[in-house]
PDB file of N, CA and C in Angstrom:
ATOM      1  N   MET A   1      27.081  48.628 -31.347  1.00  0.00           N
ATOM      2  CA  MET A   1      28.103  49.661 -31.499  1.00  0.00           C
ATOM      3  C   MET A   1      28.192  50.016 -32.980  1.00  0.00           C
ATOM      4  N   ASN A   2      28.114  51.302 -33.272  1.00  0.00           N
ATOM      5  CA  ASN A   2      28.206  51.718 -34.672  1.00  0.00           C
ATOM      6  C   ASN A   2      29.658  51.686 -35.151  1.00  0.00           C
ATOM      7  N   ASP A   3      29.835  51.837 -36.454  1.00  0.00           N
ATOM      8  CA  ASP A   3      31.179  51.731 -37.027  1.00  0.00           C
ATOM      9  C   ASP A   3      32.127  52.808 -36.515  1.00  0.00           C
ATOM     10  N   GLY A   4      31.616  54.023 -36.323  1.00  0.00           N
ATOM     11  CA  GLY A   4      32.468  55.096 -35.800  1.00  0.00           C
ATOM     12  C   GLY A   4      32.969  54.781 -34.405  1.00  0.00           C
ATOM     13  N   ALA A   5      32.078  54.323 -33.551  1.00  0.00           N
ATOM     14  CA  ALA A   5      32.458  53.975 -32.184  1.00  0.00           C
ATOM     15  C   ALA A   5      33.465  52.832 -32.188  1.00  0.00           C
ATOM     16  N   ARG A   6      33.234  51.854 -33.035  1.00  0.00           N
ATOM     17  CA  ARG A   6      34.150  50.713 -33.140  1.00  0.00           C
ATOM     18  C   ARG A   6      35.549  51.182 -33.583  1.00  0.00           C
ATOM     19  N   PHE A   7      35.576  52.073 -34.581  1.00  0.00           N
ATOM     20  CA  PHE A   7      36.856  52.600 -35.075  1.00  0.00           C
ATOM     21  C   PHE A   7      37.634  53.291 -33.957  1.00  0.00           C
ATOM     22  N   TRP A   8      36.951  54.171 -33.197  1.00  0.00           N
ATOM     23  CA  TRP A   8      37.650  54.923 -32.146  1.00  0.00           C
ATOM     24  C   TRP A   8      38.084  54.026 -30.997  1.00  0.00           C
ATOM     25  N   ALA A   9      37.293  53.006 -30.667  1.00  0.00           N
ATOM     26  CA  ALA A   9      37.708  52.054 -29.631  1.00  0.00           C
ATOM     27  C   ALA A   9      38.939  51.287 -30.091  1.00  0.00           C
ATOM     28  N   LEU A  10      38.956  50.878 -31.351  1.00  0.00           N
ATOM     29  CA  LEU A  10      40.123  50.172 -31.888  1.00  0.00           C
ATOM     30  C   LEU A  10      41.343  51.091 -31.922  1.00  0.00           C
ATOM     31  N   ALA A  11      41.140  52.343 -32.332  1.00  0.00           N
ATOM     32  CA  ALA A  11      42.252  53.310 -32.337  1.00  0.00           C
ATOM     33  C   ALA A  11      42.795  53.499 -30.924  1.00  0.00           C
ATOM     34  N   GLY A  12      41.919  53.536 -29.934  1.00  0.00           N
ATOM     35  CA  GLY A  12      42.362  53.645 -28.549  1.00  0.00           C
ATOM     36  C   GLY A  12      43.168  52.432 -28.119  1.00  0.00           C
ATOM     37  N   ALA A  13      42.685  51.245 -28.485  1.00  0.00           N
ATOM     38  CA  ALA A  13      43.394  50.013 -28.104  1.00  0.00           C
ATOM     39  C   ALA A  13      44.765  49.933 -28.769  1.00  0.00           C
ATOM     40  N   VAL A  14      44.826  50.259 -30.048  1.00  0.00           N
ATOM     41  CA  VAL A  14      46.110  50.211 -30.770  1.00  0.00           C
ATOM     42  C   VAL A  14      47.086  51.206 -30.162  1.00  0.00           C
ATOM     43  N   ASN A  15      46.620  52.416 -29.881  1.00  0.00           N
ATOM     44  CA  ASN A  15      47.518  53.422 -29.310  1.00  0.00           C
ATOM     45  C   ASN A  15      47.934  53.083 -27.892  1.00  0.00           C
ATOM     46  N   ALA A  16      47.059  52.482 -27.104  1.00  0.00           N
ATOM     47  CA  ALA A  16      47.441  52.052 -25.759  1.00  0.00           C
ATOM     48  C   ALA A  16      48.503  50.953 -25.851  1.00  0.00           C
ATOM     49  N   PHE A  17      48.318  50.015 -26.775  1.00  0.00           N
ATOM     50  CA  PHE A  17      49.303  48.949 -26.979  1.00  0.00           C
ATOM     51  C   PHE A  17      50.666  49.546 -27.340  1.00  0.00           C
ATOM     52  N   VAL A  18      50.676  50.479 -28.299  1.00  0.00           N
ATOM     53  CA  VAL A  18      51.934  51.096 -28.727  1.00  0.00           C
ATOM     54  C   VAL A  18      52.564  51.881 -27.576  1.00  0.00           C
ATOM     55  N   ALA A  19      51.749  52.571 -26.779  1.00  0.00           N
ATOM     56  CA  ALA A  19      52.290  53.342 -25.652  1.00  0.00           C
ATOM     57  C   ALA A  19      52.946  52.435 -24.618  1.00  0.00           C
ATOM     58  N   VAL A  20      52.322  51.287 -24.328  1.00  0.00           N
ATOM     59  CA  VAL A  20      52.918  50.341 -23.375  1.00  0.00           C
ATOM     60  C   VAL A  20      54.217  49.778 -23.946  1.00  0.00           C
ATOM     61  N   ALA A  21      54.189  49.407 -25.221  1.00  0.00           N
ATOM     62  CA  ALA A  21      55.399  48.877 -25.858  1.00  0.00           C
ATOM     63  C   ALA A  21      56.510  49.922 -25.872  1.00  0.00           C
ATOM     64  N   ALA A  22      56.167  51.169 -26.186  1.00  0.00           N
ATOM     65  CA  ALA A  22      57.165  52.234 -26.195  1.00  0.00           C
ATOM     66  C   ALA A  22      57.726  52.467 -24.792  1.00  0.00           C
ATOM     67  N   GLY A  23      56.855  52.461 -23.795  1.00  0.00           N
ATOM     68  CA  GLY A  23      57.324  52.635 -22.425  1.00  0.00           C
ATOM     69  C   GLY A  23      58.279  51.531 -22.005  1.00  0.00           C
ATOM     70  N   ALA A  24      57.951  50.298 -22.360  1.00  0.00           N
ATOM     71  CA  ALA A  24      58.831  49.173 -22.028  1.00  0.00           C
ATOM     72  C   ALA A  24      60.156  49.281 -22.777  1.00  0.00           C
ATOM     73  N   PHE A  25      60.076  49.648 -24.055  1.00  0.00           N
ATOM     74  CA  PHE A  25      61.301  49.825 -24.837  1.00  0.00           C
ATOM     75  C   PHE A  25      62.164  50.926 -24.234  1.00  0.00           C
ATOM     76  N   GLY A  26      61.543  52.027 -23.833  1.00  0.00           N
ATOM     77  CA  GLY A  26      62.294  53.117 -23.227  1.00  0.00           C
ATOM     78  C   GLY A  26      62.962  52.700 -21.934  1.00  0.00           C
ATOM     79  N   ALA A  27      62.232  51.963 -21.109  1.00  0.00           N
ATOM     80  CA  ALA A  27      62.754  51.569 -19.801  1.00  0.00           C
ATOM     81  C   ALA A  27      63.839  50.506 -19.892  1.00  0.00           C
ATOM     82  N   HIS A  28      63.706  49.613 -20.864  1.00  0.00           N
ATOM     83  CA  HIS A  28      64.621  48.472 -20.897  1.00  0.00           C
ATOM     84  C   HIS A  28      65.619  48.479 -22.060  1.00  0.00           C
ATOM     85  N   GLY A  29      65.224  49.008 -23.210  1.00  0.00           N
ATOM     86  CA  GLY A  29      66.106  48.942 -24.361  1.00  0.00           C
ATOM     87  C   GLY A  29      66.784  50.240 -24.707  1.00  0.00           C
ATOM     88  N   LEU A  30      66.157  51.339 -24.352  1.00  0.00           N
ATOM     89  CA  LEU A  30      66.678  52.640 -24.765  1.00  0.00           C
ATOM     90  C   LEU A  30      67.587  53.270 -23.724  1.00  0.00           C
ATOM     91  N   ARG A  31      67.356  52.960 -22.468  1.00  0.00           N
ATOM     92  CA  ARG A  31      68.089  53.601 -21.369  1.00  0.00           C
ATOM     93  C   ARG A  31      69.616  53.593 -21.569  1.00  0.00           C
ATOM     94  N   PRO A  32      70.230  52.476 -21.963  1.00  0.00           N
ATOM     95  CA  PRO A  32      71.685  52.502 -22.109  1.00  0.00           C
ATOM     96  C   PRO A  32      72.173  53.186 -23.394  1.00  0.00           C
ATOM     97  N   ARG A  33      71.258  53.561 -24.270  1.00  0.00           N
ATOM     98  CA  ARG A  33      71.662  54.064 -25.586  1.00  0.00           C
ATOM     99  C   ARG A  33      71.494  55.573 -25.780  1.00  0.00           C
ATOM    100  N   VAL A  34      70.747  56.224 -24.900  1.00  0.00           N
ATOM    101  CA  VAL A  34      70.496  57.660 -25.067  1.00  0.00           C
ATOM    102  C   VAL A  34      70.808  58.389 -23.770  1.00  0.00           C
ATOM    103  N   THR A  35      70.880  59.708 -23.879  1.00  0.00           N
ATOM    104  CA  THR A  35      71.131  60.519 -22.688  1.00  0.00           C
ATOM    105  C   THR A  35      69.900  60.485 -21.776  1.00  0.00           C
ATOM    106  N   PRO A  36      70.086  60.767 -20.506  1.00  0.00           N
ATOM    107  CA  PRO A  36      68.927  60.829 -19.608  1.00  0.00           C
ATOM    108  C   PRO A  36      67.862  61.820 -20.087  1.00  0.00           C
ATOM    109  N   ARG A  37      68.279  62.936 -20.665  1.00  0.00           N
ATOM    110  CA  ARG A  37      67.315  63.928 -21.176  1.00  0.00           C
ATOM    111  C   ARG A  37      66.497  63.343 -22.319  1.00  0.00           C
ATOM    112  N   MET A  38      67.133  62.633 -23.252  1.00  0.00           N
ATOM    113  CA  MET A  38      66.406  62.054 -24.374  1.00  0.00           C
ATOM    114  C   MET A  38      65.505  60.904 -23.919  1.00  0.00           C
ATOM    115  N   LEU A  39      65.905  60.199 -22.873  1.00  0.00           N
ATOM    116  CA  LEU A  39      65.036  59.162 -22.311  1.00  0.00           C
ATOM    117  C   LEU A  39      63.788  59.807 -21.712  1.00  0.00           C
ATOM    118  N   GLU A  40      63.963  60.935 -21.041  1.00  0.00           N
ATOM    119  CA  GLU A  40      62.828  61.674 -20.477  1.00  0.00           C
ATOM    120  C   GLU A  40      61.886  62.145 -21.595  1.00  0.00           C
ATOM    121  N   VAL A  41      62.451  62.610 -22.695  1.00  0.00           N
ATOM    122  CA  VAL A  41      61.656  63.037 -23.847  1.00  0.00           C
ATOM    123  C   VAL A  41      60.848  61.864 -24.389  1.00  0.00           C
ATOM    124  N   PHE A  42      61.492  60.712 -24.538  1.00  0.00           N
ATOM    125  CA  PHE A  42      60.827  59.514 -25.045  1.00  0.00           C
ATOM    126  C   PHE A  42      59.689  59.102 -24.112  1.00  0.00           C
ATOM    127  N   GLU A  43      59.967  59.123 -22.808  1.00  0.00           N
ATOM    128  CA  GLU A  43      58.941  58.737 -21.827  1.00  0.00           C
ATOM    129  C   GLU A  43      57.761  59.708 -21.832  1.00  0.00           C
ATOM    130  N   THR A  44      58.017  60.978 -22.070  1.00  0.00           N
ATOM    131  CA  THR A  44      56.933  61.950 -22.190  1.00  0.00           C
ATOM    132  C   THR A  44      56.040  61.593 -23.375  1.00  0.00           C
ATOM    133  N   GLY A  45      56.640  61.209 -24.484  1.00  0.00           N
ATOM    134  CA  GLY A  45      55.865  60.787 -25.650  1.00  0.00           C
ATOM    135  C   GLY A  45      54.977  59.599 -25.325  1.00  0.00           C
ATOM    136  N   ALA A  46      55.520  58.607 -24.628  1.00  0.00           N
ATOM    137  CA  ALA A  46      54.738  57.415 -24.274  1.00  0.00           C
ATOM    138  C   ALA A  46      53.608  57.764 -23.304  1.00  0.00           C
ATOM    139  N   ARG A  47      53.890  58.616 -22.336  1.00  0.00           N
ATOM    140  CA  ARG A  47      52.877  59.001 -21.348  1.00  0.00           C
ATOM    141  C   ARG A  47      51.716  59.741 -22.021  1.00  0.00           C
ATOM    142  N   TYR A  48      52.028  60.701 -22.869  1.00  0.00           N
ATOM    143  CA  TYR A  48      50.968  61.442 -23.551  1.00  0.00           C
ATOM    144  C   TYR A  48      50.217  60.570 -24.540  1.00  0.00           C
ATOM    145  N   GLN A  49      50.901  59.631 -25.156  1.00  0.00           N
ATOM    146  CA  GLN A  49      50.195  58.713 -26.049  1.00  0.00           C
ATOM    147  C   GLN A  49      49.190  57.882 -25.263  1.00  0.00           C
ATOM    148  N   MET A  50      49.568  57.419 -24.079  1.00  0.00           N
ATOM    149  CA  MET A  50      48.639  56.616 -23.280  1.00  0.00           C
ATOM    150  C   MET A  50      47.449  57.453 -22.816  1.00  0.00           C
ATOM    151  N   PHE A  51      47.697  58.665 -22.333  1.00  0.00           N
ATOM    152  CA  PHE A  51      46.586  59.522 -21.909  1.00  0.00           C
ATOM    153  C   PHE A  51      45.574  59.686 -23.036  1.00  0.00           C
ATOM    154  N   HIS A  52      46.085  59.931 -24.219  1.00  0.00           N
ATOM    155  CA  HIS A  52      45.197  60.226 -25.335  1.00  0.00           C
ATOM    156  C   HIS A  52      44.639  58.958 -25.982  1.00  0.00           C
ATOM    157  N   ALA A  53      45.302  57.827 -25.791  1.00  0.00           N
ATOM    158  CA  ALA A  53      44.696  56.550 -26.188  1.00  0.00           C
ATOM    159  C   ALA A  53      43.445  56.314 -25.356  1.00  0.00           C
ATOM    160  N   LEU A  54      43.527  56.592 -24.071  1.00  0.00           N
ATOM    161  CA  LEU A  54      42.357  56.448 -23.204  1.00  0.00           C
ATOM    162  C   LEU A  54      41.265  57.438 -23.588  1.00  0.00           C
ATOM    163  N   ALA A  55      41.671  58.631 -23.992  1.00  0.00           N
ATOM    164  CA  ALA A  55      40.685  59.620 -24.447  1.00  0.00           C
ATOM    165  C   ALA A  55      39.936  59.117 -25.678  1.00  0.00           C
ATOM    166  N   LEU A  56      40.608  58.329 -26.517  1.00  0.00           N
ATOM    167  CA  LEU A  56      39.931  57.796 -27.699  1.00  0.00           C
ATOM    168  C   LEU A  56      38.808  56.832 -27.318  1.00  0.00           C
ATOM    169  N   PHE A  57      38.911  56.189 -26.159  1.00  0.00           N
ATOM    170  CA  PHE A  57      37.795  55.359 -25.684  1.00  0.00           C
ATOM    171  C   PHE A  57      36.599  56.239 -25.297  1.00  0.00           C
ATOM    172  N   ALA A  58      36.877  57.411 -24.735  1.00  0.00           N
ATOM    173  CA  ALA A  58      35.788  58.352 -24.457  1.00  0.00           C
ATOM    174  C   ALA A  58      35.159  58.818 -25.761  1.00  0.00           C
ATOM    175  N   VAL A  59      35.985  59.055 -26.763  1.00  0.00           N
ATOM    176  CA  VAL A  59      35.465  59.437 -28.083  1.00  0.00           C
ATOM    177  C   VAL A  59      34.602  58.313 -28.642  1.00  0.00           C
ATOM    178  N   ALA A  60      35.031  57.069 -28.459  1.00  0.00           N
ATOM    179  CA  ALA A  60      34.236  55.927 -28.943  1.00  0.00           C
ATOM    180  C   ALA A  60      32.862  55.935 -28.288  1.00  0.00           C
ATOM    181  N   TRP A  61      32.824  56.174 -26.989  1.00  0.00           N
ATOM    182  CA  TRP A  61      31.532  56.206 -26.306  1.00  0.00           C
ATOM    183  C   TRP A  61      30.679  57.367 -26.824  1.00  0.00           C
ATOM    184  N   LEU A  62      31.301  58.535 -26.965  1.00  0.00           N
ATOM    185  CA  LEU A  62      30.561  59.682 -27.484  1.00  0.00           C
ATOM    186  C   LEU A  62      30.048  59.410 -28.899  1.00  0.00           C
ATOM    187  N   ALA A  63      30.868  58.762 -29.725  1.00  0.00           N
ATOM    188  CA  ALA A  63      30.445  58.435 -31.093  1.00  0.00           C
ATOM    189  C   ALA A  63      29.303  57.436 -31.088  1.00  0.00           C
ATOM    190  N   SER A  64      29.237  56.587 -30.070  1.00  0.00           N
ATOM    191  CA  SER A  64      28.128  55.634 -29.985  1.00  0.00           C
ATOM    192  C   SER A  64      26.831  56.339 -29.609  1.00  0.00           C
ATOM    193  N   GLN A  65      26.942  57.504 -28.991  1.00  0.00           N
ATOM    194  CA  GLN A  65      25.771  58.280 -28.583  1.00  0.00           C
ATOM    195  C   GLN A  65      25.332  59.250 -29.670  1.00  0.00           C
ATOM    196  N   ARG A  66      26.336  59.832 -30.304  1.00  0.00           N
ATOM    197  CA  ARG A  66      26.067  60.869 -31.306  1.00  0.00           C
ATOM    198  C   ARG A  66      27.329  61.102 -32.110  1.00  0.00           C
ATOM    199  N   GLU A  67      27.259  60.827 -33.384  1.00  0.00           N
ATOM    200  CA  GLU A  67      28.440  61.015 -34.231  1.00  0.00           C
ATOM    201  C   GLU A  67      28.580  62.479 -34.611  1.00  0.00           C
ATOM    202  N   GLY A  68      29.582  62.806 -35.364  1.00  0.00           N
ATOM    203  CA  GLY A  68      29.786  64.182 -35.811  1.00  0.00           C
ATOM    204  C   GLY A  68      30.934  64.818 -35.058  1.00  0.00           C
ATOM    205  N   VAL A  69      30.606  65.569 -34.021  1.00  0.00           N
ATOM    206  CA  VAL A  69      31.638  66.259 -33.254  1.00  0.00           C
ATOM    207  C   VAL A  69      32.585  65.255 -32.611  1.00  0.00           C
ATOM    208  N   ALA A  70      32.058  64.112 -32.197  1.00  0.00           N
ATOM    209  CA  ALA A  70      32.915  63.094 -31.586  1.00  0.00           C
ATOM    210  C   ALA A  70      33.968  62.629 -32.583  1.00  0.00           C
ATOM    211  N   ASP A  71      33.580  62.442 -33.830  1.00  0.00           N
ATOM    212  CA  ASP A  71      34.550  62.020 -34.840  1.00  0.00           C
ATOM    213  C   ASP A  71      35.625  63.079 -35.050  1.00  0.00           C
ATOM    214  N   ALA A  72      35.230  64.333 -35.091  1.00  0.00           N
ATOM    215  CA  ALA A  72      36.202  65.421 -35.240  1.00  0.00           C
ATOM    216  C   ALA A  72      37.166  65.437 -34.053  1.00  0.00           C
ATOM    217  N   ALA A  73      36.641  65.207 -32.852  1.00  0.00           N
ATOM    218  CA  ALA A  73      37.492  65.147 -31.657  1.00  0.00           C
ATOM    219  C   ALA A  73      38.490  64.009 -31.780  1.00  0.00           C
ATOM    220  N   GLY A  74      38.020  62.867 -32.228  1.00  0.00           N
ATOM    221  CA  GLY A  74      38.907  61.721 -32.386  1.00  0.00           C
ATOM    222  C   GLY A  74      40.034  61.989 -33.365  1.00  0.00           C
ATOM    223  N   TRP A  75      39.693  62.588 -34.507  1.00  0.00           N
ATOM    224  CA  TRP A  75      40.736  62.887 -35.498  1.00  0.00           C
ATOM    225  C   TRP A  75      41.747  63.885 -34.960  1.00  0.00           C
ATOM    226  N   ALA A  76      41.284  64.879 -34.218  1.00  0.00           N
ATOM    227  CA  ALA A  76      42.205  65.857 -33.640  1.00  0.00           C
ATOM    228  C   ALA A  76      43.122  65.199 -32.611  1.00  0.00           C
ATOM    229  N   LEU A  77      42.560  64.339 -31.766  1.00  0.00           N
ATOM    230  CA  LEU A  77      43.386  63.638 -30.770  1.00  0.00           C
ATOM    231  C   LEU A  77      44.376  62.698 -31.452  1.00  0.00           C
ATOM    232  N   LEU A  78      43.934  62.007 -32.483  1.00  0.00           N
ATOM    233  CA  LEU A  78      44.826  61.096 -33.201  1.00  0.00           C
ATOM    234  C   LEU A  78      45.964  61.867 -33.871  1.00  0.00           C
ATOM    235  N   ALA A  79      45.641  63.005 -34.475  1.00  0.00           N
ATOM    236  CA  ALA A  79      46.686  63.850 -35.062  1.00  0.00           C
ATOM    237  C   ALA A  79      47.650  64.319 -33.979  1.00  0.00           C
ATOM    238  N   GLY A  80      47.111  64.666 -32.819  1.00  0.00           N
ATOM    239  CA  GLY A  80      47.966  65.078 -31.712  1.00  0.00           C
ATOM    240  C   GLY A  80      48.923  63.982 -31.289  1.00  0.00           C
ATOM    241  N   ILE A  81      48.433  62.748 -31.224  1.00  0.00           N
ATOM    242  CA  ILE A  81      49.298  61.613 -30.864  1.00  0.00           C
ATOM    243  C   ILE A  81      50.428  61.476 -31.870  1.00  0.00           C
ATOM    244  N   VAL A  82      50.076  61.477 -33.144  1.00  0.00           N
ATOM    245  CA  VAL A  82      51.093  61.290 -34.188  1.00  0.00           C
ATOM    246  C   VAL A  82      52.129  62.413 -34.146  1.00  0.00           C
ATOM    247  N   LEU A  83      51.656  63.655 -34.062  1.00  0.00           N
ATOM    248  CA  LEU A  83      52.581  64.794 -34.105  1.00  0.00           C
ATOM    249  C   LEU A  83      53.345  64.979 -32.802  1.00  0.00           C
ATOM    250  N   PHE A  84      52.659  64.898 -31.669  1.00  0.00           N
ATOM    251  CA  PHE A  84      53.307  65.138 -30.381  1.00  0.00           C
ATOM    252  C   PHE A  84      54.194  63.956 -30.003  1.00  0.00           C
ATOM    253  N   SER A  85      53.570  62.810 -29.803  1.00  0.00           N
ATOM    254  CA  SER A  85      54.353  61.645 -29.372  1.00  0.00           C
ATOM    255  C   SER A  85      55.331  61.209 -30.455  1.00  0.00           C
ATOM    256  N   GLY A  86      54.868  61.214 -31.692  1.00  0.00           N
ATOM    257  CA  GLY A  86      55.744  60.796 -32.787  1.00  0.00           C
ATOM    258  C   GLY A  86      56.991  61.652 -32.893  1.00  0.00           C
ATOM    259  N   SER A  87      56.838  62.971 -32.757  1.00  0.00           N
ATOM    260  CA  SER A  87      58.013  63.839 -32.846  1.00  0.00           C
ATOM    261  C   SER A  87      58.951  63.623 -31.665  1.00  0.00           C
ATOM    262  N   LEU A  88      58.402  63.360 -30.482  1.00  0.00           N
ATOM    263  CA  LEU A  88      59.258  63.102 -29.320  1.00  0.00           C
ATOM    264  C   LEU A  88      59.994  61.775 -29.468  1.00  0.00           C
ATOM    265  N   TYR A  89      59.296  60.746 -29.961  1.00  0.00           N
ATOM    266  CA  TYR A  89      59.965  59.465 -30.206  1.00  0.00           C
ATOM    267  C   TYR A  89      61.100  59.647 -31.213  1.00  0.00           C
ATOM    268  N   ALA A  90      60.797  60.327 -32.309  1.00  0.00           N
ATOM    269  CA  ALA A  90      61.807  60.515 -33.355  1.00  0.00           C
ATOM    270  C   ALA A  90      62.991  61.324 -32.837  1.00  0.00           C
ATOM    271  N   MET A  91      62.708  62.347 -32.061  1.00  0.00           N
ATOM    272  CA  MET A  91      63.786  63.180 -31.522  1.00  0.00           C
ATOM    273  C   MET A  91      64.683  62.360 -30.592  1.00  0.00           C
ATOM    274  N   ALA A  92      64.079  61.571 -29.721  1.00  0.00           N
ATOM    275  CA  ALA A  92      64.870  60.774 -28.779  1.00  0.00           C
ATOM    276  C   ALA A  92      65.686  59.707 -29.499  1.00  0.00           C
ATOM    277  N   LEU A  93      65.111  59.101 -30.520  1.00  0.00           N
ATOM    278  CA  LEU A  93      65.801  58.016 -31.221  1.00  0.00           C
ATOM    279  C   LEU A  93      66.891  58.504 -32.159  1.00  0.00           C
ATOM    280  N   THR A  94      66.716  59.707 -32.718  1.00  0.00           N
ATOM    281  CA  THR A  94      67.696  60.207 -33.686  1.00  0.00           C
ATOM    282  C   THR A  94      68.638  61.244 -33.112  1.00  0.00           C
ATOM    283  N   GLY A  95      68.218  61.904 -32.032  1.00  0.00           N
ATOM    284  CA  GLY A  95      69.015  62.990 -31.476  1.00  0.00           C
ATOM    285  C   GLY A  95      68.847  64.294 -32.236  1.00  0.00           C
ATOM    286  N   VAL A  96      67.984  64.322 -33.239  1.00  0.00           N
ATOM    287  CA  VAL A  96      67.738  65.534 -34.019  1.00  0.00           C
ATOM    288  C   VAL A  96      66.725  66.384 -33.252  1.00  0.00           C
ATOM    289  N   THR A  97      67.225  67.352 -32.521  1.00  0.00           N
ATOM    290  CA  THR A  97      66.363  68.139 -31.648  1.00  0.00           C
ATOM    291  C   THR A  97      65.440  69.075 -32.417  1.00  0.00           C
ATOM    292  N   ARG A  98      65.763  69.374 -33.675  1.00  0.00           N
ATOM    293  CA  ARG A  98      64.876  70.225 -34.489  1.00  0.00           C
ATOM    294  C   ARG A  98      63.506  69.591 -34.677  1.00  0.00           C
ATOM    295  N   LEU A  99      63.412  68.277 -34.513  1.00  0.00           N
ATOM    296  CA  LEU A  99      62.111  67.612 -34.615  1.00  0.00           C
ATOM    297  C   LEU A  99      61.149  68.110 -33.546  1.00  0.00           C
ATOM    298  N   GLY A 100      61.702  68.688 -32.492  1.00  0.00           N
ATOM    299  CA  GLY A 100      60.879  69.245 -31.431  1.00  0.00           C
ATOM    300  C   GLY A 100      60.008  70.410 -31.897  1.00  0.00           C
ATOM    301  N   MET A 101      60.311  70.973 -33.068  1.00  0.00           N
ATOM    302  CA  MET A 101      59.475  72.057 -33.602  1.00  0.00           C
ATOM    303  C   MET A 101      58.085  71.549 -33.993  1.00  0.00           C
ATOM    304  N   VAL A 102      57.961  70.244 -34.234  1.00  0.00           N
ATOM    305  CA  VAL A 102      56.674  69.650 -34.612  1.00  0.00           C
ATOM    306  C   VAL A 102      55.803  69.417 -33.371  1.00  0.00           C
ATOM    307  N   THR A 103      56.428  69.203 -32.238  1.00  0.00           N
ATOM    308  CA  THR A 103      55.722  68.818 -31.017  1.00  0.00           C
ATOM    309  C   THR A 103      54.581  69.770 -30.647  1.00  0.00           C
ATOM    310  N   PRO A 104      54.772  71.096 -30.704  1.00  0.00           N
ATOM    311  CA  PRO A 104      53.657  71.986 -30.346  1.00  0.00           C
ATOM    312  C   PRO A 104      52.434  71.827 -31.255  1.00  0.00           C
ATOM    313  N   LEU A 105      52.643  71.428 -32.503  1.00  0.00           N
ATOM    314  CA  LEU A 105      51.492  71.188 -33.388  1.00  0.00           C
ATOM    315  C   LEU A 105      50.654  70.034 -32.846  1.00  0.00           C
ATOM    316  N   GLY A 106      51.330  69.027 -32.304  1.00  0.00           N
ATOM    317  CA  GLY A 106      50.604  67.928 -31.662  1.00  0.00           C
ATOM    318  C   GLY A 106      49.855  68.405 -30.431  1.00  0.00           C
ATOM    319  N   GLY A 107      50.470  69.310 -29.684  1.00  0.00           N
ATOM    320  CA  GLY A 107      49.798  69.880 -28.521  1.00  0.00           C
ATOM    321  C   GLY A 107      48.536  70.632 -28.916  1.00  0.00           C
ATOM    322  N   VAL A 108      48.594  71.330 -30.037  1.00  0.00           N
ATOM    323  CA  VAL A 108      47.400  72.018 -30.542  1.00  0.00           C
ATOM    324  C   VAL A 108      46.332  70.988 -30.909  1.00  0.00           C
ATOM    325  N   GLY A 109      46.744  69.887 -31.524  1.00  0.00           N
ATOM    326  CA  GLY A 109      45.789  68.819 -31.830  1.00  0.00           C
ATOM    327  C   GLY A 109      45.117  68.302 -30.571  1.00  0.00           C
ATOM    328  N   PHE A 110      45.891  68.114 -29.510  1.00  0.00           N
ATOM    329  CA  PHE A 110      45.315  67.672 -28.238  1.00  0.00           C
ATOM    330  C   PHE A 110      44.298  68.692 -27.713  1.00  0.00           C
ATOM    331  N   LEU A 111      44.667  69.960 -27.728  1.00  0.00           N
ATOM    332  CA  LEU A 111      43.770  71.000 -27.219  1.00  0.00           C
ATOM    333  C   LEU A 111      42.475  71.065 -28.024  1.00  0.00           C
ATOM    334  N   VAL A 112      42.596  71.014 -29.339  1.00  0.00           N
ATOM    335  CA  VAL A 112      41.399  71.029 -30.186  1.00  0.00           C
ATOM    336  C   VAL A 112      40.554  69.791 -29.904  1.00  0.00           C
ATOM    337  N   GLY A 113      41.215  68.644 -29.803  1.00  0.00           N
ATOM    338  CA  GLY A 113      40.489  67.406 -29.520  1.00  0.00           C
ATOM    339  C   GLY A 113      39.718  67.471 -28.218  1.00  0.00           C
ATOM    340  N   TRP A 114      40.362  67.951 -27.157  1.00  0.00           N
ATOM    341  CA  TRP A 114      39.676  68.044 -25.863  1.00  0.00           C
ATOM    342  C   TRP A 114      38.535  69.053 -25.914  1.00  0.00           C
ATOM    343  N   ALA A 115      38.728  70.163 -26.617  1.00  0.00           N
ATOM    344  CA  ALA A 115      37.639  71.135 -26.751  1.00  0.00           C
ATOM    345  C   ALA A 115      36.445  70.499 -27.471  1.00  0.00           C
ATOM    346  N   LEU A 116      36.738  69.702 -28.503  1.00  0.00           N
ATOM    347  CA  LEU A 116      35.656  69.039 -29.235  1.00  0.00           C
ATOM    348  C   LEU A 116      35.014  67.931 -28.412  1.00  0.00           C
ATOM    349  N   VAL A 117      35.783  67.266 -27.556  1.00  0.00           N
ATOM    350  CA  VAL A 117      35.188  66.293 -26.630  1.00  0.00           C
ATOM    351  C   VAL A 117      34.189  67.020 -25.739  1.00  0.00           C
ATOM    352  N   GLY A 118      34.580  68.161 -25.211  1.00  0.00           N
ATOM    353  CA  GLY A 118      33.673  68.944 -24.378  1.00  0.00           C
ATOM    354  C   GLY A 118      32.423  69.364 -25.135  1.00  0.00           C
ATOM    355  N   ARG A 119      32.603  69.780 -26.357  1.00  0.00           N
ATOM    356  CA  ARG A 119      31.452  70.173 -27.190  1.00  0.00           C
ATOM    357  C   ARG A 119      30.537  68.981 -27.434  1.00  0.00           C
ATOM    358  N   ALA A 120      31.125  67.807 -27.680  1.00  0.00           N
ATOM    359  CA  ALA A 120      30.313  66.600 -27.897  1.00  0.00           C
ATOM    360  C   ALA A 120      29.544  66.228 -26.640  1.00  0.00           C
ATOM    361  N   VAL A 121      30.176  66.404 -25.492  1.00  0.00           N
ATOM    362  CA  VAL A 121      29.489  66.110 -24.223  1.00  0.00           C
ATOM    363  C   VAL A 121      28.306  67.067 -24.032  1.00  0.00           C
ATOM    364  N   LEU A 122      28.515  68.334 -24.324  1.00  0.00           N
ATOM    365  CA  LEU A 122      27.442  69.304 -24.168  1.00  0.00           C
ATOM    366  C   LEU A 122      26.282  69.038 -25.132  1.00  0.00           C
ATOM    367  N   ALA A 123      26.577  68.389 -26.257  1.00  0.00           N
ATOM    368  CA  ALA A 123      25.536  68.090 -27.241  1.00  0.00           C
ATOM    369  C   ALA A 123      24.702  66.864 -26.872  1.00  0.00           C
ATOM    370  N   LEU A 124      25.129  66.115 -25.847  1.00  0.00           N
ATOM    371  CA  LEU A 124      24.368  64.933 -25.442  1.00  0.00           C
ATOM    372  C   LEU A 124      23.029  65.345 -24.854  1.00  0.00           C
ATOM    373  N   ARG A 125      22.055  64.539 -25.081  1.00  0.00           N
ATOM    374  CA  ARG A 125      20.721  64.822 -24.527  1.00  0.00           C
ATOM    375  C   ARG A 125      20.378  63.786 -23.492  1.00  0.00           C
TER     376      ARG A 125
END
C-alpha cells in the first residue's frame, strides 16, 4: 500500500470513529440538552460524516491503483466532512443557527469529491 492510500484509509478510519462517537453522544448525552430539531441536525452531521468516511476507503483503494485524481477527491471529501458535519455539530451544540450558512459549502465539497471519485474510476485501466 502506498503512502497516499494509507493516508486515506487512516482518514476514513478516524472519521468513522468520530462519526460513531458523535452518534452515541447525540443519542445518549445530547438528547436531554437540546431541542429535537437540533438533535436531528446533529444526527445528520454524524450520518453524513459516516457516509463520507466510508467514501474515503474507496479513495484509499483508488489511490492504491492510481494517485492524482484520487487524492484530489479525498481532499474534497475531507473538506466536505469538516465544513458540512462540523458546521452541523457546532450549530447543534451552540444553538447558533447562522453556522448553517457554512453547511452548503461542505455539500459542494461532497459533490466535487464524488465527481472526482467518478473521474478516478474512469481513469482506471
